[in-house]
């Protein structure tokens, strides 16, 4: 920790020239206690800008796949342990 990885990623993530290359982008802080359901749910909520009340992993994966199919995307998973 403390090497500036998140700061560098934030600069790139927020850069307008970088944003032009992607149809969608999302940032998720994973944290030490990894919760795949929460990560996928957060990705879906960020790219759809709607609340996601699905709690089944398979349904979440299908929903995420449908959202990104045929699109370019930048997903940053920050603070992965």
PDB file of N, CA and C in Angstrom:
ATOM      1  N   UNK A   1       0.802  -1.190   0.000  1.00  0.00           N
ATOM      2  CA  UNK A   1       0.000   0.000   0.000  1.00  0.00           C
ATOM      3  C   UNK A   1       0.850   1.261   0.000  1.00  0.00           C
ATOM      4  N   UNK A   2       0.198   2.361  -0.280  1.00  0.00           N
ATOM      5  CA  UNK A   2       0.852   3.659  -0.205  1.00  0.00           C
ATOM      6  C   UNK A   2       1.776   3.989  -1.356  1.00  0.00           C
ATOM      7  N   UNK A   3       1.656   3.280  -2.455  1.00  0.00           N
ATOM      8  CA  UNK A   3       2.532   3.518  -3.612  1.00  0.00           C
ATOM      9  C   UNK A   3       1.898   4.426  -4.663  1.00  0.00           C
ATOM     10  N   UNK A   4       0.648   4.806  -4.460  1.00  0.00           N
ATOM     11  CA  UNK A   4      -0.011   5.717  -5.398  1.00  0.00           C
ATOM     12  C   UNK A   4      -0.750   5.031  -6.534  1.00  0.00           C
ATOM     13  N   UNK A   5      -0.998   3.740  -6.399  1.00  0.00           N
ATOM     14  CA  UNK A   5      -1.689   3.008  -7.475  1.00  0.00           C
ATOM     15  C   UNK A   5      -3.103   3.535  -7.696  1.00  0.00           C
ATOM     16  N   UNK A   6      -3.829   3.761  -6.610  1.00  0.00           N
ATOM     17  CA  UNK A   6      -5.200   4.262  -6.727  1.00  0.00           C
ATOM     18  C   UNK A   6      -5.205   5.664  -7.309  1.00  0.00           C
ATOM     19  N   UNK A   7      -4.294   6.495  -6.880  1.00  0.00           N
ATOM     20  CA  UNK A   7      -4.214   7.866  -7.400  1.00  0.00           C
ATOM     21  C   UNK A   7      -3.961   7.858  -8.894  1.00  0.00           C
ATOM     22  N   UNK A   8      -3.038   7.050  -9.344  1.00  0.00           N
ATOM     23  CA  UNK A   8      -2.746   6.939 -10.780  1.00  0.00           C
ATOM     24  C   UNK A   8      -3.969   6.424 -11.537  1.00  0.00           C
ATOM     25  N   UNK A   9      -4.607   5.397 -10.997  1.00  0.00           N
ATOM     26  CA  UNK A   9      -5.792   4.840 -11.652  1.00  0.00           C
ATOM     27  C   UNK A   9      -6.905   5.884 -11.737  1.00  0.00           C
ATOM     28  N   UNK A  10      -7.083   6.699 -10.686  1.00  0.00           N
ATOM     29  CA  UNK A  10      -8.108   7.741 -10.699  1.00  0.00           C
ATOM     30  C   UNK A  10      -7.831   8.793 -11.764  1.00  0.00           C
ATOM     31  N   UNK A  11      -6.584   9.169 -11.914  1.00  0.00           N
ATOM     32  CA  UNK A  11      -6.224  10.157 -12.936  1.00  0.00           C
ATOM     33  C   UNK A  11      -6.579   9.624 -14.318  1.00  0.00           C
ATOM     34  N   UNK A  12      -6.227   8.392 -14.592  1.00  0.00           N
ATOM     35  CA  UNK A  12      -6.536   7.794 -15.896  1.00  0.00           C
ATOM     36  C   UNK A  12      -8.032   7.587 -16.075  1.00  0.00           C
ATOM     37  N   UNK A  13      -8.695   7.094 -15.061  1.00  0.00           N
ATOM     38  CA  UNK A  13     -10.132   6.816 -15.109  1.00  0.00           C
ATOM     39  C   UNK A  13     -10.934   8.089 -15.403  1.00  0.00           C
ATOM     40  N   UNK A  14     -10.505   9.216 -14.838  1.00  0.00           N
ATOM     41  CA  UNK A  14     -11.231  10.477 -14.997  1.00  0.00           C
ATOM     42  C   UNK A  14     -10.779  11.303 -16.200  1.00  0.00           C
ATOM     43  N   UNK A  15      -9.775  10.852 -16.919  1.00  0.00           N
ATOM     44  CA  UNK A  15      -9.260  11.577 -18.073  1.00  0.00           C
ATOM     45  C   UNK A  15     -10.259  11.506 -19.229  1.00  0.00           C
ATOM     46  N   UNK A  16     -10.577  12.654 -19.794  1.00  0.00           N
ATOM     47  CA  UNK A  16     -11.561  12.717 -20.882  1.00  0.00           C
ATOM     48  C   UNK A  16     -11.120  11.933 -22.119  1.00  0.00           C
ATOM     49  N   UNK A  17      -9.832  11.950 -22.433  1.00  0.00           N
ATOM     50  CA  UNK A  17      -9.355  11.199 -23.598  1.00  0.00           C
ATOM     51  C   UNK A  17      -9.493   9.698 -23.373  1.00  0.00           C
ATOM     52  N   UNK A  18      -9.308   9.255 -22.162  1.00  0.00           N
ATOM     53  CA  UNK A  18      -9.499   7.836 -21.849  1.00  0.00           C
ATOM     54  C   UNK A  18     -10.981   7.494 -21.938  1.00  0.00           C
ATOM     55  N   UNK A  19     -11.843   8.340 -21.380  1.00  0.00           N
ATOM     56  CA  UNK A  19     -13.287   8.094 -21.389  1.00  0.00           C
ATOM     57  C   UNK A  19     -13.842   7.963 -22.800  1.00  0.00           C
ATOM     58  N   UNK A  20     -13.259   8.699 -23.760  1.00  0.00           N
ATOM     59  CA  UNK A  20     -13.733   8.660 -25.145  1.00  0.00           C
ATOM     60  C   UNK A  20     -13.604   7.277 -25.773  1.00  0.00           C
ATOM     61  N   UNK A  21     -12.725   6.453 -25.246  1.00  0.00           N
ATOM     62  CA  UNK A  21     -12.470   5.140 -25.825  1.00  0.00           C
ATOM     63  C   UNK A  21     -13.429   4.054 -25.332  1.00  0.00           C
ATOM     64  N   UNK A  22     -14.269   4.382 -24.369  1.00  0.00           N
ATOM     65  CA  UNK A  22     -15.135   3.368 -23.765  1.00  0.00           C
ATOM     66  C   UNK A  22     -16.589   3.798 -23.793  1.00  0.00           C
ATOM     67  N   UNK A  23     -17.464   2.812 -24.002  1.00  0.00           N
ATOM     68  CA  UNK A  23     -18.901   3.069 -23.969  1.00  0.00           C
ATOM     69  C   UNK A  23     -19.387   3.242 -22.533  1.00  0.00           C
ATOM     70  N   UNK A  24     -18.732   2.578 -21.600  1.00  0.00           N
ATOM     71  CA  UNK A  24     -19.136   2.662 -20.205  1.00  0.00           C
ATOM     72  C   UNK A  24     -17.928   2.434 -19.306  1.00  0.00           C
ATOM     73  N   UNK A  25     -18.033   2.948 -18.103  1.00  0.00           N
ATOM     74  CA  UNK A  25     -16.969   2.729 -17.138  1.00  0.00           C
ATOM     75  C   UNK A  25     -17.567   2.630 -15.737  1.00  0.00           C
ATOM     76  N   UNK A  26     -16.850   1.955 -14.858  1.00  0.00           N
ATOM     77  CA  UNK A  26     -17.297   1.800 -13.473  1.00  0.00           C
ATOM     78  C   UNK A  26     -16.088   1.569 -12.584  1.00  0.00           C
ATOM     79  N   UNK A  27     -16.224   2.005 -11.359  1.00  0.00           N
ATOM     80  CA  UNK A  27     -15.154   1.877 -10.364  1.00  0.00           C
ATOM     81  C   UNK A  27     -15.745   1.193  -9.141  1.00  0.00           C
ATOM     82  N   UNK A  28     -15.119   0.100  -8.699  1.00  0.00           N
ATOM     83  CA  UNK A  28     -15.586  -0.616  -7.516  1.00  0.00           C
ATOM     84  C   UNK A  28     -14.417  -0.812  -6.568  1.00  0.00           C
ATOM     85  N   UNK A  29     -14.628  -0.434  -5.327  1.00  0.00           N
ATOM     86  CA  UNK A  29     -13.633  -0.702  -4.290  1.00  0.00           C
ATOM     87  C   UNK A  29     -13.941  -2.086  -3.723  1.00  0.00           C
ATOM     88  N   UNK A  30     -13.056  -3.027  -3.950  1.00  0.00           N
ATOM     89  CA  UNK A  30     -13.300  -4.420  -3.573  1.00  0.00           C
ATOM     90  C   UNK A  30     -13.086  -4.622  -2.082  1.00  0.00           C
ATOM     91  N   UNK A  31     -12.002  -4.110  -1.536  1.00  0.00           N
ATOM     92  CA  UNK A  31     -11.660  -4.198  -0.121  1.00  0.00           C
ATOM     93  C   UNK A  31     -11.160  -5.587   0.258  1.00  0.00           C
ATOM     94  N   UNK A  32     -10.771  -5.696   1.516  1.00  0.00           N
ATOM     95  CA  UNK A  32     -10.137  -6.934   1.990  1.00  0.00           C
ATOM     96  C   UNK A  32     -11.107  -8.109   2.025  1.00  0.00           C
ATOM     97  N   UNK A  33     -12.351  -7.847   2.382  1.00  0.00           N
ATOM     98  CA  UNK A  33     -13.343  -8.926   2.414  1.00  0.00           C
ATOM     99  C   UNK A  33     -14.063  -8.968   1.072  1.00  0.00           C
ATOM    100  N   UNK A  34     -13.556  -9.801   0.184  1.00  0.00           N
ATOM    101  CA  UNK A  34     -14.076  -9.901  -1.179  1.00  0.00           C
ATOM    102  C   UNK A  34     -15.482 -10.484  -1.175  1.00  0.00           C
ATOM    103  N   UNK A  35     -16.395  -9.801  -1.827  1.00  0.00           N
ATOM    104  CA  UNK A  35     -17.775 -10.249  -1.954  1.00  0.00           C
ATOM    105  C   UNK A  35     -18.165 -10.111  -3.422  1.00  0.00           C
ATOM    106  N   UNK A  36     -18.093 -11.211  -4.146  1.00  0.00           N
ATOM    107  CA  UNK A  36     -18.351 -11.189  -5.592  1.00  0.00           C
ATOM    108  C   UNK A  36     -19.738 -10.650  -5.920  1.00  0.00           C
ATOM    109  N   UNK A  37     -20.739 -11.020  -5.127  1.00  0.00           N
ATOM    110  CA  UNK A  37     -22.094 -10.513  -5.371  1.00  0.00           C
ATOM    111  C   UNK A  37     -22.118  -8.985  -5.309  1.00  0.00           C
ATOM    112  N   UNK A  38     -21.485  -8.425  -4.286  1.00  0.00           N
ATOM    113  CA  UNK A  38     -21.477  -6.973  -4.127  1.00  0.00           C
ATOM    114  C   UNK A  38     -20.738  -6.298  -5.271  1.00  0.00           C
ATOM    115  N   UNK A  39     -19.612  -6.888  -5.687  1.00  0.00           N
ATOM    116  CA  UNK A  39     -18.821  -6.290  -6.766  1.00  0.00           C
ATOM    117  C   UNK A  39     -19.625  -6.260  -8.068  1.00  0.00           C
ATOM    118  N   UNK A  40     -20.228  -7.373  -8.435  1.00  0.00           N
ATOM    119  CA  UNK A  40     -20.997  -7.440  -9.684  1.00  0.00           C
ATOM    120  C   UNK A  40     -22.221  -6.541  -9.605  1.00  0.00           C
ATOM    121  N   UNK A  41     -22.883  -6.560  -8.461  1.00  0.00           N
ATOM    122  CA  UNK A  41     -24.061  -5.713  -8.268  1.00  0.00           C
ATOM    123  C   UNK A  41     -23.691  -4.228  -8.397  1.00  0.00           C
ATOM    124  N   UNK A  42     -22.578  -3.841  -7.813  1.00  0.00           N
ATOM    125  CA  UNK A  42     -22.125  -2.454  -7.904  1.00  0.00           C
ATOM    126  C   UNK A  42     -21.791  -2.077  -9.343  1.00  0.00           C
ATOM    127  N   UNK A  43     -21.139  -2.979 -10.073  1.00  0.00           N
ATOM    128  CA  UNK A  43     -20.852  -2.718 -11.488  1.00  0.00           C
ATOM    129  C   UNK A  43     -22.145  -2.468 -12.253  1.00  0.00           C
ATOM    130  N   UNK A  44     -23.123  -3.328 -12.056  1.00  0.00           N
ATOM    131  CA  UNK A  44     -24.407  -3.183 -12.751  1.00  0.00           C
ATOM    132  C   UNK A  44     -25.063  -1.857 -12.401  1.00  0.00           C
ATOM    133  N   UNK A  45     -25.066  -1.513 -11.117  1.00  0.00           N
ATOM    134  CA  UNK A  45     -25.701  -0.265 -10.691  1.00  0.00           C
ATOM    135  C   UNK A  45     -25.000   0.952 -11.274  1.00  0.00           C
ATOM    136  N   UNK A  46     -23.693   0.900 -11.370  1.00  0.00           N
ATOM    137  CA  UNK A  46     -22.970   2.048 -11.929  1.00  0.00           C
ATOM    138  C   UNK A  46     -23.204   2.206 -13.422  1.00  0.00           C
ATOM    139  N   UNK A  47     -23.230   1.111 -14.164  1.00  0.00           N
ATOM    140  CA  UNK A  47     -23.371   1.250 -15.618  1.00  0.00           C
ATOM    141  C   UNK A  47     -24.819   1.484 -16.044  1.00  0.00           C
ATOM    142  N   UNK A  48     -25.783   1.037 -15.221  1.00  0.00           N
ATOM    143  CA  UNK A  48     -27.191   1.260 -15.573  1.00  0.00           C
ATOM    144  C   UNK A  48     -27.766   2.493 -14.881  1.00  0.00           C
ATOM    145  N   UNK A  49     -27.055   2.966 -13.856  1.00  0.00           N
ATOM    146  CA  UNK A  49     -27.522   4.088 -13.034  1.00  0.00           C
ATOM    147  C   UNK A  49     -28.879   3.792 -12.407  1.00  0.00           C
ATOM    148  N   UNK A  50     -29.090   2.511 -12.071  1.00  0.00           N
ATOM    149  CA  UNK A  50     -30.326   2.064 -11.416  1.00  0.00           C
ATOM    150  C   UNK A  50     -29.960   1.091 -10.308  1.00  0.00           C
ATOM    151  N   UNK A  51     -30.808   1.039  -9.317  1.00  0.00           N
ATOM    152  CA  UNK A  51     -30.615   0.096  -8.227  1.00  0.00           C
ATOM    153  C   UNK A  51     -30.839  -1.325  -8.737  1.00  0.00           C
ATOM    154  N   UNK A  52     -30.060  -2.255  -8.220  1.00  0.00           N
ATOM    155  CA  UNK A  52     -30.176  -3.659  -8.619  1.00  0.00           C
ATOM    156  C   UNK A  52     -30.542  -4.465  -7.384  1.00  0.00           C
ATOM    157  N   UNK A  53     -31.708  -5.094  -7.419  1.00  0.00           N
ATOM    158  CA  UNK A  53     -32.156  -5.856  -6.259  1.00  0.00           C
ATOM    159  C   UNK A  53     -32.004  -7.364  -6.435  1.00  0.00           C
ATOM    160  N   UNK A  54     -31.299  -7.785  -7.461  1.00  0.00           N
ATOM    161  CA  UNK A  54     -31.050  -9.204  -7.707  1.00  0.00           C
ATOM    162  C   UNK A  54     -29.985  -9.695  -6.730  1.00  0.00           C
ATOM    163  N   UNK A  55     -30.175 -10.878  -6.176  1.00  0.00           N
ATOM    164  CA  UNK A  55     -29.196 -11.397  -5.222  1.00  0.00           C
ATOM    165  C   UNK A  55     -28.674 -12.784  -5.612  1.00  0.00           C
ATOM    166  N   UNK A  56     -29.053 -13.262  -6.766  1.00  0.00           N
ATOM    167  CA  UNK A  56     -28.593 -14.554  -7.265  1.00  0.00           C
ATOM    168  C   UNK A  56     -27.387 -14.336  -8.179  1.00  0.00           C
ATOM    169  N   UNK A  57     -26.275 -15.011  -7.886  1.00  0.00           N
ATOM    170  CA  UNK A  57     -25.040 -14.816  -8.647  1.00  0.00           C
ATOM    171  C   UNK A  57     -25.237 -15.076 -10.134  1.00  0.00           C
ATOM    172  N   UNK A  58     -25.902 -16.139 -10.494  1.00  0.00           N
ATOM    173  CA  UNK A  58     -26.097 -16.463 -11.901  1.00  0.00           C
ATOM    174  C   UNK A  58     -26.881 -15.365 -12.618  1.00  0.00           C
ATOM    175  N   UNK A  59     -27.929 -14.883 -11.990  1.00  0.00           N
ATOM    176  CA  UNK A  59     -28.737 -13.807 -12.593  1.00  0.00           C
ATOM    177  C   UNK A  59     -27.935 -12.517 -12.729  1.00  0.00           C
ATOM    178  N   UNK A  60     -27.107 -12.224 -11.732  1.00  0.00           N
ATOM    179  CA  UNK A  60     -26.262 -11.035 -11.805  1.00  0.00           C
ATOM    180  C   UNK A  60     -25.264 -11.138 -12.949  1.00  0.00           C
ATOM    181  N   UNK A  61     -24.641 -12.308 -13.087  1.00  0.00           N
ATOM    182  CA  UNK A  61     -23.672 -12.504 -14.169  1.00  0.00           C
ATOM    183  C   UNK A  61     -24.335 -12.346 -15.526  1.00  0.00           C
ATOM    184  N   UNK A  62     -25.527 -12.887 -15.682  1.00  0.00           N
ATOM    185  CA  UNK A  62     -26.262 -12.765 -16.948  1.00  0.00           C
ATOM    186  C   UNK A  62     -26.596 -11.307 -17.221  1.00  0.00           C
ATOM    187  N   UNK A  63     -27.059 -10.604 -16.200  1.00  0.00           N
ATOM    188  CA  UNK A  63     -27.418  -9.194 -16.367  1.00  0.00           C
ATOM    189  C   UNK A  63     -26.197  -8.362 -16.755  1.00  0.00           C
ATOM    190  N   UNK A  64     -25.065  -8.613 -16.089  1.00  0.00           N
ATOM    191  CA  UNK A  64     -23.844  -7.878 -16.421  1.00  0.00           C
ATOM    192  C   UNK A  64     -23.401  -8.194 -17.843  1.00  0.00           C
ATOM    193  N   UNK A  65     -23.426  -9.454 -18.210  1.00  0.00           N
ATOM    194  CA  UNK A  65     -23.033  -9.850 -19.569  1.00  0.00           C
ATOM    195  C   UNK A  65     -23.899  -9.161 -20.608  1.00  0.00           C
ATOM    196  N   UNK A  66     -25.211  -9.085 -20.355  1.00  0.00           N
ATOM    197  CA  UNK A  66     -26.118  -8.413 -21.295  1.00  0.00           C
ATOM    198  C   UNK A  66     -25.803  -6.930 -21.415  1.00  0.00           C
ATOM    199  N   UNK A  67     -25.412  -6.313 -20.317  1.00  0.00           N
ATOM    200  CA  UNK A  67     -25.107  -4.882 -20.331  1.00  0.00           C
ATOM    201  C   UNK A  67     -23.840  -4.558 -21.120  1.00  0.00           C
ATOM    202  N   UNK A  68     -22.850  -5.452 -21.074  1.00  0.00           N
ATOM    203  CA  UNK A  68     -21.563  -5.144 -21.710  1.00  0.00           C
ATOM    204  C   UNK A  68     -21.392  -5.766 -23.095  1.00  0.00           C
ATOM    205  N   UNK A  69     -22.283  -6.649 -23.470  1.00  0.00           N
ATOM    206  CA  UNK A  69     -22.158  -7.338 -24.763  1.00  0.00           C
ATOM    207  C   UNK A  69     -22.048  -6.337 -25.911  1.00  0.00           C
ATOM    208  N   UNK A  70     -20.967  -6.466 -26.665  1.00  0.00           N
ATOM    209  CA  UNK A  70     -20.761  -5.630 -27.844  1.00  0.00           C
ATOM    210  C   UNK A  70     -20.288  -4.219 -27.545  1.00  0.00           C
ATOM    211  N   UNK A  71     -19.976  -3.932 -26.292  1.00  0.00           N
ATOM    212  CA  UNK A  71     -19.554  -2.583 -25.918  1.00  0.00           C
ATOM    213  C   UNK A  71     -18.126  -2.613 -25.389  1.00  0.00           C
ATOM    214  N   UNK A  72     -17.480  -1.472 -25.470  1.00  0.00           N
ATOM    215  CA  UNK A  72     -16.174  -1.334 -24.840  1.00  0.00           C
ATOM    216  C   UNK A  72     -16.393  -0.788 -23.437  1.00  0.00           C
ATOM    217  N   UNK A  73     -15.635  -1.310 -22.481  1.00  0.00           N
ATOM    218  CA  UNK A  73     -15.850  -0.870 -21.110  1.00  0.00           C
ATOM    219  C   UNK A  73     -14.541  -0.854 -20.339  1.00  0.00           C
ATOM    220  N   UNK A  74     -14.516   0.021 -19.354  1.00  0.00           N
ATOM    221  CA  UNK A  74     -13.391   0.130 -18.442  1.00  0.00           C
ATOM    222  C   UNK A  74     -13.931  -0.073 -17.040  1.00  0.00           C
ATOM    223  N   UNK A  75     -13.556  -1.181 -16.422  1.00  0.00           N
ATOM    224  CA  UNK A  75     -13.940  -1.464 -15.049  1.00  0.00           C
ATOM    225  C   UNK A  75     -12.673  -1.464 -14.207  1.00  0.00           C
ATOM    226  N   UNK A  76     -12.659  -0.663 -13.168  1.00  0.00           N
ATOM    227  CA  UNK A  76     -11.540  -0.621 -12.243  1.00  0.00           C
ATOM    228  C   UNK A  76     -11.981  -1.292 -10.951  1.00  0.00           C
ATOM    229  N   UNK A  77     -11.245  -2.320 -10.556  1.00  0.00           N
ATOM    230  CA  UNK A  77     -11.470  -2.976  -9.275  1.00  0.00           C
ATOM    231  C   UNK A  77     -10.348  -2.539  -8.363  1.00  0.00           C
ATOM    232  N   UNK A  78     -10.659  -1.623  -7.478  1.00  0.00           N
ATOM    233  CA  UNK A  78      -9.652  -0.999  -6.621  1.00  0.00           C
ATOM    234  C   UNK A  78      -9.575  -1.707  -5.277  1.00  0.00           C
ATOM    235  N   UNK A  79      -8.419  -1.633  -4.663  1.00  0.00           N
ATOM    236  CA  UNK A  79      -8.181  -2.145  -3.322  1.00  0.00           C
ATOM    237  C   UNK A  79      -8.400  -3.652  -3.242  1.00  0.00           C
ATOM    238  N   UNK A  80      -7.942  -4.380  -4.251  1.00  0.00           N
ATOM    239  CA  UNK A  80      -8.051  -5.837  -4.269  1.00  0.00           C
ATOM    240  C   UNK A  80      -6.927  -6.421  -3.428  1.00  0.00           C
ATOM    241  N   UNK A  81      -7.269  -7.321  -2.550  1.00  0.00           N
ATOM    242  CA  UNK A  81      -6.275  -7.942  -1.666  1.00  0.00           C
ATOM    243  C   UNK A  81      -5.912  -9.297  -2.179  1.00  0.00           C
TER     244      UNK A  81
END
